[in-house]
Amino acid sequence: MNLIKHICLTIVQLFKQIVALPASISSAVKERQRRMELKELESERLDRIRNPLKYRGK
């Protein structure tokens, strides 16, 4: 009986993970985009520090 209960709980957890998969993928994509934007902003900031004459008019 305990084995059957354990198997059923495992199957339920599997279905929960399957249902949550699209949201998880969406979240990962958004996080990656956010990191890319931050990396780009940081690159520009460092470039401004290294080459201030290039950005004098901005």
PDB file of N, CA and C in Angstrom:
ATOM      1  N   MET A   1       0.819  -1.197   0.000  1.00  0.00           N
ATOM      2  CA  MET A   1       0.000   0.000   0.000  1.00  0.00           C
ATOM      3  C   MET A   1       0.868   1.268   0.000  1.00  0.00           C
ATOM      4  N   ASN A   2       1.908   1.247   0.790  1.00  0.00           N
ATOM      5  CA  ASN A   2       2.804   2.397   0.863  1.00  0.00           C
ATOM      6  C   ASN A   2       3.502   2.631  -0.469  1.00  0.00           C
ATOM      7  N   LEU A   3       3.842   1.550  -1.163  1.00  0.00           N
ATOM      8  CA  LEU A   3       4.503   1.656  -2.458  1.00  0.00           C
ATOM      9  C   LEU A   3       3.567   2.287  -3.490  1.00  0.00           C
ATOM     10  N   ILE A   4       2.317   1.891  -3.487  1.00  0.00           N
ATOM     11  CA  ILE A   4       1.329   2.443  -4.423  1.00  0.00           C
ATOM     12  C   ILE A   4       1.121   3.925  -4.145  1.00  0.00           C
ATOM     13  N   LYS A   5       1.054   4.307  -2.885  1.00  0.00           N
ATOM     14  CA  LYS A   5       0.893   5.712  -2.512  1.00  0.00           C
ATOM     15  C   LYS A   5       2.091   6.528  -3.007  1.00  0.00           C
ATOM     16  N   HIS A   6       3.268   5.979  -2.837  1.00  0.00           N
ATOM     17  CA  HIS A   6       4.482   6.664  -3.263  1.00  0.00           C
ATOM     18  C   HIS A   6       4.491   6.833  -4.785  1.00  0.00           C
ATOM     19  N   ILE A   7       4.088   5.822  -5.516  1.00  0.00           N
ATOM     20  CA  ILE A   7       4.029   5.899  -6.976  1.00  0.00           C
ATOM     21  C   ILE A   7       3.018   6.946  -7.419  1.00  0.00           C
ATOM     22  N   CYS A   8       1.838   6.966  -6.787  1.00  0.00           N
ATOM     23  CA  CYS A   8       0.816   7.953  -7.141  1.00  0.00           C
ATOM     24  C   CYS A   8       1.295   9.378  -6.863  1.00  0.00           C
ATOM     25  N   LEU A   9       1.951   9.592  -5.741  1.00  0.00           N
ATOM     26  CA  LEU A   9       2.472  10.922  -5.424  1.00  0.00           C
ATOM     27  C   LEU A   9       3.546  11.348  -6.433  1.00  0.00           C
ATOM     28  N   THR A  10       4.353  10.401  -6.868  1.00  0.00           N
ATOM     29  CA  THR A  10       5.372  10.699  -7.862  1.00  0.00           C
ATOM     30  C   THR A  10       4.737  11.105  -9.183  1.00  0.00           C
ATOM     31  N   ILE A  11       3.687  10.400  -9.589  1.00  0.00           N
ATOM     32  CA  ILE A  11       2.984  10.710 -10.832  1.00  0.00           C
ATOM     33  C   ILE A  11       2.335  12.095 -10.737  1.00  0.00           C
ATOM     34  N   VAL A  12       1.747  12.413  -9.601  1.00  0.00           N
ATOM     35  CA  VAL A  12       1.132  13.728  -9.413  1.00  0.00           C
ATOM     36  C   VAL A  12       2.193  14.824  -9.510  1.00  0.00           C
ATOM     37  N   GLN A  13       3.329  14.614  -8.897  1.00  0.00           N
ATOM     38  CA  GLN A  13       4.420  15.600  -8.976  1.00  0.00           C
ATOM     39  C   GLN A  13       4.900  15.770 -10.417  1.00  0.00           C
ATOM     40  N   LEU A  14       4.953  14.667 -11.162  1.00  0.00           N
ATOM     41  CA  LEU A  14       5.351  14.737 -12.555  1.00  0.00           C
ATOM     42  C   LEU A  14       4.381  15.598 -13.361  1.00  0.00           C
ATOM     43  N   PHE A  15       3.082  15.391 -13.171  1.00  0.00           N
ATOM     44  CA  PHE A  15       2.086  16.192 -13.879  1.00  0.00           C
ATOM     45  C   PHE A  15       2.175  17.671 -13.485  1.00  0.00           C
ATOM     46  N   LYS A  16       2.432  17.951 -12.224  1.00  0.00           N
ATOM     47  CA  LYS A  16       2.583  19.341 -11.790  1.00  0.00           C
ATOM     48  C   LYS A  16       3.766  19.998 -12.496  1.00  0.00           C
ATOM     49  N   GLN A  17       4.866  19.268 -12.618  1.00  0.00           N
ATOM     50  CA  GLN A  17       6.039  19.819 -13.295  1.00  0.00           C
ATOM     51  C   GLN A  17       5.776  20.030 -14.781  1.00  0.00           C
ATOM     52  N   ILE A  18       5.023  19.113 -15.384  1.00  0.00           N
ATOM     53  CA  ILE A  18       4.692  19.257 -16.808  1.00  0.00           C
ATOM     54  C   ILE A  18       3.839  20.498 -17.030  1.00  0.00           C
ATOM     55  N   VAL A  19       2.870  20.736 -16.141  1.00  0.00           N
ATOM     56  CA  VAL A  19       2.007  21.912 -16.262  1.00  0.00           C
ATOM     57  C   VAL A  19       2.803  23.197 -16.039  1.00  0.00           C
ATOM     58  N   ALA A  20       3.758  23.160 -15.135  1.00  0.00           N
ATOM     59  CA  ALA A  20       4.543  24.351 -14.808  1.00  0.00           C
ATOM     60  C   ALA A  20       5.674  24.605 -15.807  1.00  0.00           C
ATOM     61  N   LEU A  21       5.936  23.689 -16.712  1.00  0.00           N
ATOM     62  CA  LEU A  21       7.056  23.821 -17.634  1.00  0.00           C
ATOM     63  C   LEU A  21       6.972  25.053 -18.532  1.00  0.00           C
ATOM     64  N   PRO A  22       5.821  25.359 -19.171  1.00  0.00           N
ATOM     65  CA  PRO A  22       5.781  26.561 -20.019  1.00  0.00           C
ATOM     66  C   PRO A  22       6.080  27.851 -19.251  1.00  0.00           C
ATOM     67  N   ALA A  23       5.556  27.970 -18.047  1.00  0.00           N
ATOM     68  CA  ALA A  23       5.826  29.165 -17.241  1.00  0.00           C
ATOM     69  C   ALA A  23       7.305  29.226 -16.869  1.00  0.00           C
ATOM     70  N   SER A  24       7.888  28.103 -16.591  1.00  0.00           N
ATOM     71  CA  SER A  24       9.301  28.046 -16.233  1.00  0.00           C
ATOM     72  C   SER A  24      10.176  28.459 -17.417  1.00  0.00           C
ATOM     73  N   ILE A  25       9.836  27.990 -18.597  1.00  0.00           N
ATOM     74  CA  ILE A  25      10.594  28.348 -19.791  1.00  0.00           C
ATOM     75  C   ILE A  25      10.456  29.840 -20.076  1.00  0.00           C
ATOM     76  N   SER A  26       9.235  30.341 -19.958  1.00  0.00           N
ATOM     77  CA  SER A  26       8.988  31.766 -20.178  1.00  0.00           C
ATOM     78  C   SER A  26       9.799  32.612 -19.205  1.00  0.00           C
ATOM     79  N   SER A  27       9.815  32.210 -17.970  1.00  0.00           N
ATOM     80  CA  SER A  27      10.575  32.931 -16.953  1.00  0.00           C
ATOM     81  C   SER A  27      12.073  32.915 -17.266  1.00  0.00           C
ATOM     82  N   ALA A  28      12.576  31.778 -17.702  1.00  0.00           N
ATOM     83  CA  ALA A  28      13.995  31.676 -18.029  1.00  0.00           C
ATOM     84  C   ALA A  28      14.354  32.565 -19.216  1.00  0.00           C
ATOM     85  N   VAL A  29      13.483  32.634 -20.214  1.00  0.00           N
ATOM     86  CA  VAL A  29      13.741  33.480 -21.383  1.00  0.00           C
ATOM     87  C   VAL A  29      13.750  34.948 -20.982  1.00  0.00           C
ATOM     88  N   LYS A  30      12.779  35.364 -20.166  1.00  0.00           N
ATOM     89  CA  LYS A  30      12.728  36.757 -19.709  1.00  0.00           C
ATOM     90  C   LYS A  30      13.967  37.110 -18.897  1.00  0.00           C
ATOM     91  N   GLU A  31      14.405  36.191 -18.049  1.00  0.00           N
ATOM     92  CA  GLU A  31      15.595  36.427 -17.230  1.00  0.00           C
ATOM     93  C   GLU A  31      16.834  36.566 -18.111  1.00  0.00           C
ATOM     94  N   ARG A  32      16.927  35.741 -19.137  1.00  0.00           N
ATOM     95  CA  ARG A  32      18.069  35.828 -20.043  1.00  0.00           C
ATOM     96  C   ARG A  32      18.078  37.152 -20.791  1.00  0.00           C
ATOM     97  N   GLN A  33      16.904  37.605 -21.240  1.00  0.00           N
ATOM     98  CA  GLN A  33      16.814  38.889 -21.930  1.00  0.00           C
ATOM     99  C   GLN A  33      17.216  40.030 -21.003  1.00  0.00           C
ATOM    100  N   ARG A  34      16.778  39.949 -19.755  1.00  0.00           N
ATOM    101  CA  ARG A  34      17.122  40.989 -18.784  1.00  0.00           C
ATOM    102  C   ARG A  34      18.631  41.029 -18.562  1.00  0.00           C
ATOM    103  N   ARG A  35      19.240  39.851 -18.446  1.00  0.00           N
ATOM    104  CA  ARG A  35      20.693  39.801 -18.250  1.00  0.00           C
ATOM    105  C   ARG A  35      21.442  40.365 -19.445  1.00  0.00           C
ATOM    106  N   MET A  36      20.944  40.059 -20.648  1.00  0.00           N
ATOM    107  CA  MET A  36      21.596  40.584 -21.855  1.00  0.00           C
ATOM    108  C   MET A  36      21.518  42.110 -21.886  1.00  0.00           C
ATOM    109  N   GLU A  37      20.360  42.668 -21.512  1.00  0.00           N
ATOM    110  CA  GLU A  37      20.213  44.127 -21.480  1.00  0.00           C
ATOM    111  C   GLU A  37      21.154  44.743 -20.458  1.00  0.00           C
ATOM    112  N   LEU A  38      21.233  44.144 -19.284  1.00  0.00           N
ATOM    113  CA  LEU A  38      22.131  44.667 -18.254  1.00  0.00           C
ATOM    114  C   LEU A  38      23.590  44.575 -18.692  1.00  0.00           C
ATOM    115  N   LYS A  39      23.934  43.482 -19.366  1.00  0.00           N
ATOM    116  CA  LYS A  39      25.305  43.317 -19.841  1.00  0.00           C
ATOM    117  C   LYS A  39      25.637  44.387 -20.881  1.00  0.00           C
ATOM    118  N   GLU A  40      24.673  44.682 -21.749  1.00  0.00           N
ATOM    119  CA  GLU A  40      24.884  45.715 -22.760  1.00  0.00           C
ATOM    120  C   GLU A  40      25.056  47.088 -22.114  1.00  0.00           C
ATOM    121  N   LEU A  41      24.219  47.396 -21.134  1.00  0.00           N
ATOM    122  CA  LEU A  41      24.340  48.680 -20.435  1.00  0.00           C
ATOM    123  C   LEU A  41      25.674  48.787 -19.702  1.00  0.00           C
ATOM    124  N   GLU A  42      26.101  47.689 -19.096  1.00  0.00           N
ATOM    125  CA  GLU A  42      27.370  47.689 -18.378  1.00  0.00           C
ATOM    126  C   GLU A  42      28.538  47.876 -19.346  1.00  0.00           C
ATOM    127  N   SER A  43      28.443  47.254 -20.523  1.00  0.00           N
ATOM    128  CA  SER A  43      29.500  47.420 -21.532  1.00  0.00           C
ATOM    129  C   SER A  43      29.601  48.872 -21.964  1.00  0.00           C
ATOM    130  N   GLU A  44      28.460  49.504 -22.185  1.00  0.00           N
ATOM    131  CA  GLU A  44      28.478  50.908 -22.590  1.00  0.00           C
ATOM    132  C   GLU A  44      29.047  51.783 -21.473  1.00  0.00           C
ATOM    133  N   ARG A  45      28.667  51.498 -20.244  1.00  0.00           N
ATOM    134  CA  ARG A  45      29.172  52.274 -19.108  1.00  0.00           C
ATOM    135  C   ARG A  45      30.692  52.175 -19.023  1.00  0.00           C
ATOM    136  N   LEU A  46      31.206  50.954 -19.156  1.00  0.00           N
ATOM    137  CA  LEU A  46      32.655  50.771 -19.097  1.00  0.00           C
ATOM    138  C   LEU A  46      33.352  51.447 -20.268  1.00  0.00           C
ATOM    139  N   ASP A  47      32.724  51.412 -21.442  1.00  0.00           N
ATOM    140  CA  ASP A  47      33.300  52.083 -22.611  1.00  0.00           C
ATOM    141  C   ASP A  47      33.343  53.590 -22.390  1.00  0.00           C
ATOM    142  N   ARG A  48      32.295  54.129 -21.768  1.00  0.00           N
ATOM    143  CA  ARG A  48      32.284  55.567 -21.468  1.00  0.00           C
ATOM    144  C   ARG A  48      33.402  55.935 -20.503  1.00  0.00           C
ATOM    145  N   ILE A  49      33.672  55.065 -19.540  1.00  0.00           N
ATOM    146  CA  ILE A  49      34.745  55.323 -18.580  1.00  0.00           C
ATOM    147  C   ILE A  49      36.101  55.257 -19.280  1.00  0.00           C
ATOM    148  N   ARG A  50      36.276  54.264 -20.157  1.00  0.00           N
ATOM    149  CA  ARG A  50      37.566  54.074 -20.824  1.00  0.00           C
ATOM    150  C   ARG A  50      37.821  55.101 -21.917  1.00  0.00           C
ATOM    151  N   ASN A  51      36.759  55.536 -22.613  1.00  0.00           N
ATOM    152  CA  ASN A  51      36.906  56.456 -23.746  1.00  0.00           C
ATOM    153  C   ASN A  51      35.983  57.662 -23.582  1.00  0.00           C
ATOM    154  N   PRO A  52      36.264  58.551 -22.659  1.00  0.00           N
ATOM    155  CA  PRO A  52      35.351  59.667 -22.420  1.00  0.00           C
ATOM    156  C   PRO A  52      35.271  60.644 -23.589  1.00  0.00           C
ATOM    157  N   LEU A  53      36.300  60.765 -24.381  1.00  0.00           N
ATOM    158  CA  LEU A  53      36.277  61.699 -25.512  1.00  0.00           C
ATOM    159  C   LEU A  53      35.276  61.254 -26.584  1.00  0.00           C
ATOM    160  N   LYS A  54      35.058  59.993 -26.668  1.00  0.00           N
ATOM    161  CA  LYS A  54      34.134  59.454 -27.662  1.00  0.00           C
ATOM    162  C   LYS A  54      32.682  59.841 -27.350  1.00  0.00           C
ATOM    163  N   TYR A  55      32.387  60.108 -26.088  1.00  0.00           N
ATOM    164  CA  TYR A  55      31.018  60.403 -25.651  1.00  0.00           C
ATOM    165  C   TYR A  55      30.863  61.847 -25.161  1.00  0.00           C
ATOM    166  N   ARG A  56      31.756  62.711 -25.562  1.00  0.00           N
ATOM    167  CA  ARG A  56      31.761  64.073 -25.007  1.00  0.00           C
ATOM    168  C   ARG A  56      30.464  64.821 -25.312  1.00  0.00           C
ATOM    169  N   GLY A  57      29.892  64.678 -26.491  1.00  0.00           N
ATOM    170  CA  GLY A  57      28.706  65.444 -26.850  1.00  0.00           C
ATOM    171  C   GLY A  57      27.395  64.843 -26.362  1.00  0.00           C
ATOM    172  N   LYS A  58      27.408  63.657 -25.827  1.00  0.00           N
ATOM    173  CA  LYS A  58      26.158  62.975 -25.458  1.00  0.00           C
ATOM    174  C   LYS A  58      25.760  63.233 -24.034  1.00  0.00           C
TER     175      LYS A  58
END
